[in-house]
Amino acid sequence: MKKLPTALAALACVLVFSFPAEAKKNKPAQDDQGQQKDENAESGAIPRYQPFPHNQSFTLTDINGKAPPKEIWLRIDSTGRATGSSGCKNFSGIFVIGPNRLGPRAMPAFTELTCDQSAQAYEREFWGILLSGPYWDTKGDDLIMKAFKGGGSMRFTRSM
């Protein structure tokens, strides 16, 4: 007879202590869903994923509104291998491409060319933005890269 009340008391303790743990497990999932609904409600639309434009060549049109003194171009294939010209150098390297960021896996390899001082200064701006791990976005035929830190931005146009 004494075993039944002890067993019921033990069962009651287990139930009392397990329900708050279950409630805590379920609560964050509900909060996350609420946050996602709020973010979508603010923007007015479902966020869309925009893939990086692989296997296409892009020619630089400007850095911070200044046109390049020489032709500067960039091409990144689907494996992340980048090739291009930064005006004074031809380069090749591997980049990591995220949903909205781009970063070098290692320092790209260069082939040096001769350049004047203004072209070298422009090239330093190009590499400063590209190696900073810039945010990227596409608008029509344009590829826009904004420096991770600082205010620099580059605009490329898709080449034929």
Protein backbone atom coordinates (compact mmCIF):
# COMPACT_ATOMS: atom_id res chain seq x y z
CA MET A 1 0.00 0.00 0.00
CA LYS A 2 2.85 2.40 0.82
CA LYS A 3 4.44 1.74 -2.58
CA LEU A 4 1.50 3.17 -4.55
CA PRO A 5 1.63 6.73 -3.06
CA THR A 6 5.43 6.77 -3.42
CA ALA A 7 5.18 5.71 -7.08
CA LEU A 8 2.49 8.33 -7.77
CA ALA A 9 4.60 11.03 -6.09
CA ALA A 10 7.64 10.06 -8.17
CA LEU A 11 5.55 10.09 -11.38
CA ALA A 12 4.15 13.51 -10.49
CA CYS A 13 7.67 14.89 -9.93
CA VAL A 14 8.87 13.55 -13.27
CA LEU A 15 5.90 15.09 -15.09
CA VAL A 16 6.23 18.45 -13.35
CA PHE A 17 9.93 18.76 -14.17
CA SER A 18 9.67 17.50 -17.75
CA PHE A 19 6.91 19.85 -18.98
CA PRO A 20 8.89 23.09 -18.43
CA ALA A 21 11.81 21.60 -20.39
CA GLU A 22 9.48 20.69 -23.27
CA ALA A 23 7.92 24.16 -23.17
CA LYS A 24 11.37 25.77 -23.41
CA LYS A 25 12.30 23.55 -26.37
CA ASN A 26 9.16 24.54 -28.28
CA LYS A 27 9.25 28.24 -27.41
CA PRO A 28 12.41 29.25 -29.38
CA ALA A 29 11.05 27.60 -32.52
CA GLN A 30 7.87 29.63 -32.18
CA ASP A 31 9.89 32.83 -31.56
CA ASP A 32 12.05 32.18 -34.65
CA GLN A 33 8.96 31.69 -36.80
CA GLY A 34 7.51 34.91 -35.42
CA GLN A 35 10.70 36.81 -36.26
CA GLN A 36 10.72 35.46 -39.81
CA LYS A 37 7.10 36.48 -40.27
CA ASP A 38 7.87 39.98 -38.94
CA GLU A 39 10.87 40.41 -41.27
CA ASN A 40 8.83 39.31 -44.28
CA ALA A 41 5.96 41.59 -43.24
CA GLU A 42 8.33 44.59 -43.04
CA SER A 43 9.74 44.08 -46.52
CA GLY A 44 6.36 43.24 -47.98
CA ALA A 45 7.68 40.28 -49.94
CA ILE A 46 9.29 36.91 -49.58
CA PRO A 47 13.07 37.27 -49.57
CA ARG A 48 14.60 35.79 -52.68
CA TYR A 49 17.93 34.05 -53.08
CA GLN A 50 20.10 35.54 -55.77
CA PRO A 51 22.89 33.28 -57.08
CA PHE A 52 26.29 34.69 -57.92
CA PRO A 53 26.70 35.19 -61.70
CA HIS A 54 29.30 32.47 -62.34
CA ASN A 55 31.09 31.94 -65.66
CA GLN A 56 30.47 35.49 -66.86
CA SER A 57 33.00 38.23 -67.52
CA PHE A 58 32.48 41.64 -65.95
CA THR A 59 34.26 44.88 -66.90
CA LEU A 60 34.79 47.51 -64.22
CA THR A 61 32.91 50.73 -64.94
CA ASP A 62 33.83 52.70 -61.81
CA ILE A 63 35.23 52.66 -58.28
CA ASN A 64 33.51 55.22 -56.05
CA GLY A 65 32.31 57.04 -59.18
CA LYS A 66 35.76 57.25 -60.83
CA ALA A 67 36.26 55.54 -64.20
CA PRO A 68 39.26 53.21 -64.56
CA PRO A 69 42.33 54.46 -66.48
CA LYS A 70 42.79 50.98 -68.04
CA GLU A 71 40.46 48.08 -68.73
CA ILE A 72 39.83 46.07 -65.55
CA TRP A 73 37.84 42.86 -65.75
CA LEU A 74 36.89 39.88 -63.60
CA ARG A 75 35.53 36.38 -64.22
CA ILE A 76 34.68 33.79 -61.53
CA ASP A 77 33.69 30.27 -62.55
CA SER A 78 31.40 27.88 -60.66
CA THR A 79 34.33 26.40 -58.69
CA GLY A 80 35.33 29.84 -57.37
CA ARG A 81 38.39 30.22 -59.62
CA ALA A 82 38.79 33.87 -60.54
CA THR A 83 40.79 35.32 -63.41
CA GLY A 84 41.08 38.86 -64.59
CA SER A 85 43.09 42.01 -65.03
CA SER A 86 43.38 44.74 -62.43
CA GLY A 87 44.90 47.22 -64.86
CA CYS A 88 48.56 46.74 -63.94
CA LYS A 89 48.39 43.02 -63.15
CA ASN A 90 46.79 39.90 -64.55
CA PHE A 91 45.65 37.64 -61.73
CA SER A 92 44.30 34.21 -60.93
CA GLY A 93 43.01 32.94 -57.61
CA ILE A 94 40.28 31.08 -55.78
CA PHE A 95 37.46 32.95 -54.07
CA VAL A 96 34.86 31.79 -51.58
CA ILE A 97 31.42 32.94 -52.65
CA GLY A 98 28.71 33.30 -50.03
CA PRO A 99 25.07 34.34 -50.41
CA ASN A 100 26.06 38.02 -50.37
CA ARG A 101 29.82 38.11 -49.69
CA LEU A 102 32.93 37.30 -51.65
CA GLY A 103 36.37 36.61 -50.22
CA PRO A 104 39.74 35.26 -51.33
CA ARG A 105 40.63 31.77 -50.13
CA ALA A 106 44.31 32.72 -50.52
CA MET A 107 46.22 35.60 -52.02
CA PRO A 108 45.78 35.53 -55.83
CA ALA A 109 48.77 34.96 -58.12
CA PHE A 110 49.85 37.98 -60.18
CA THR A 111 51.66 38.74 -63.42
CA GLU A 112 53.17 42.23 -63.17
CA LEU A 113 52.80 44.75 -65.98
CA THR A 114 54.25 48.26 -66.16
CA CYS A 115 51.92 51.10 -65.17
CA ASP A 116 51.99 54.79 -64.40
CA GLN A 117 51.35 56.16 -60.90
CA SER A 118 47.64 56.99 -61.42
CA ALA A 119 46.87 53.48 -62.69
CA GLN A 120 48.74 51.96 -59.73
CA ALA A 121 46.74 54.09 -57.27
CA TYR A 122 43.49 53.02 -58.93
CA GLU A 123 44.60 49.40 -58.81
CA ARG A 124 45.30 49.71 -55.05
CA GLU A 125 41.68 50.83 -54.56
CA PHE A 126 40.49 47.83 -56.60
CA TRP A 127 42.49 45.34 -54.51
CA GLY A 128 41.55 47.08 -51.28
CA ILE A 129 37.88 46.42 -51.97
CA LEU A 130 38.25 42.97 -53.55
CA LEU A 131 40.45 41.54 -50.78
CA SER A 132 38.32 43.02 -47.97
CA GLY A 133 35.65 40.35 -48.43
CA PRO A 134 33.13 42.66 -50.11
CA TYR A 135 29.36 42.39 -50.14
CA TRP A 136 28.09 41.72 -53.66
CA ASP A 137 24.77 42.33 -55.38
CA THR A 138 23.49 42.23 -58.93
CA LYS A 139 21.16 44.71 -60.60
CA GLY A 140 20.37 43.81 -64.18
CA ASP A 141 23.69 43.40 -65.99
CA ASP A 142 25.65 45.11 -63.20
CA LEU A 143 27.66 43.44 -60.45
CA ILE A 144 28.17 45.75 -57.48
CA MET A 145 30.76 45.10 -54.76
CA LYS A 146 30.88 47.13 -51.56
CA ALA A 147 33.87 46.98 -49.23
CA PHE A 148 33.38 45.07 -45.98
CA LYS A 149 34.86 47.98 -44.02
CA GLY A 150 35.16 51.48 -45.35
CA GLY A 151 33.01 53.10 -47.96
CA GLY A 152 34.46 51.83 -51.21
CA SER A 153 32.28 50.33 -53.92
CA MET A 154 32.91 48.98 -57.40
CA ARG A 155 30.46 48.61 -60.27
CA PHE A 156 31.05 46.06 -63.01
CA THR A 157 29.03 45.61 -66.20
CA ARG A 158 28.56 42.21 -67.83
CA SER A 159 30.76 41.81 -70.91
CA MET A 160 29.70 40.09 -74.09
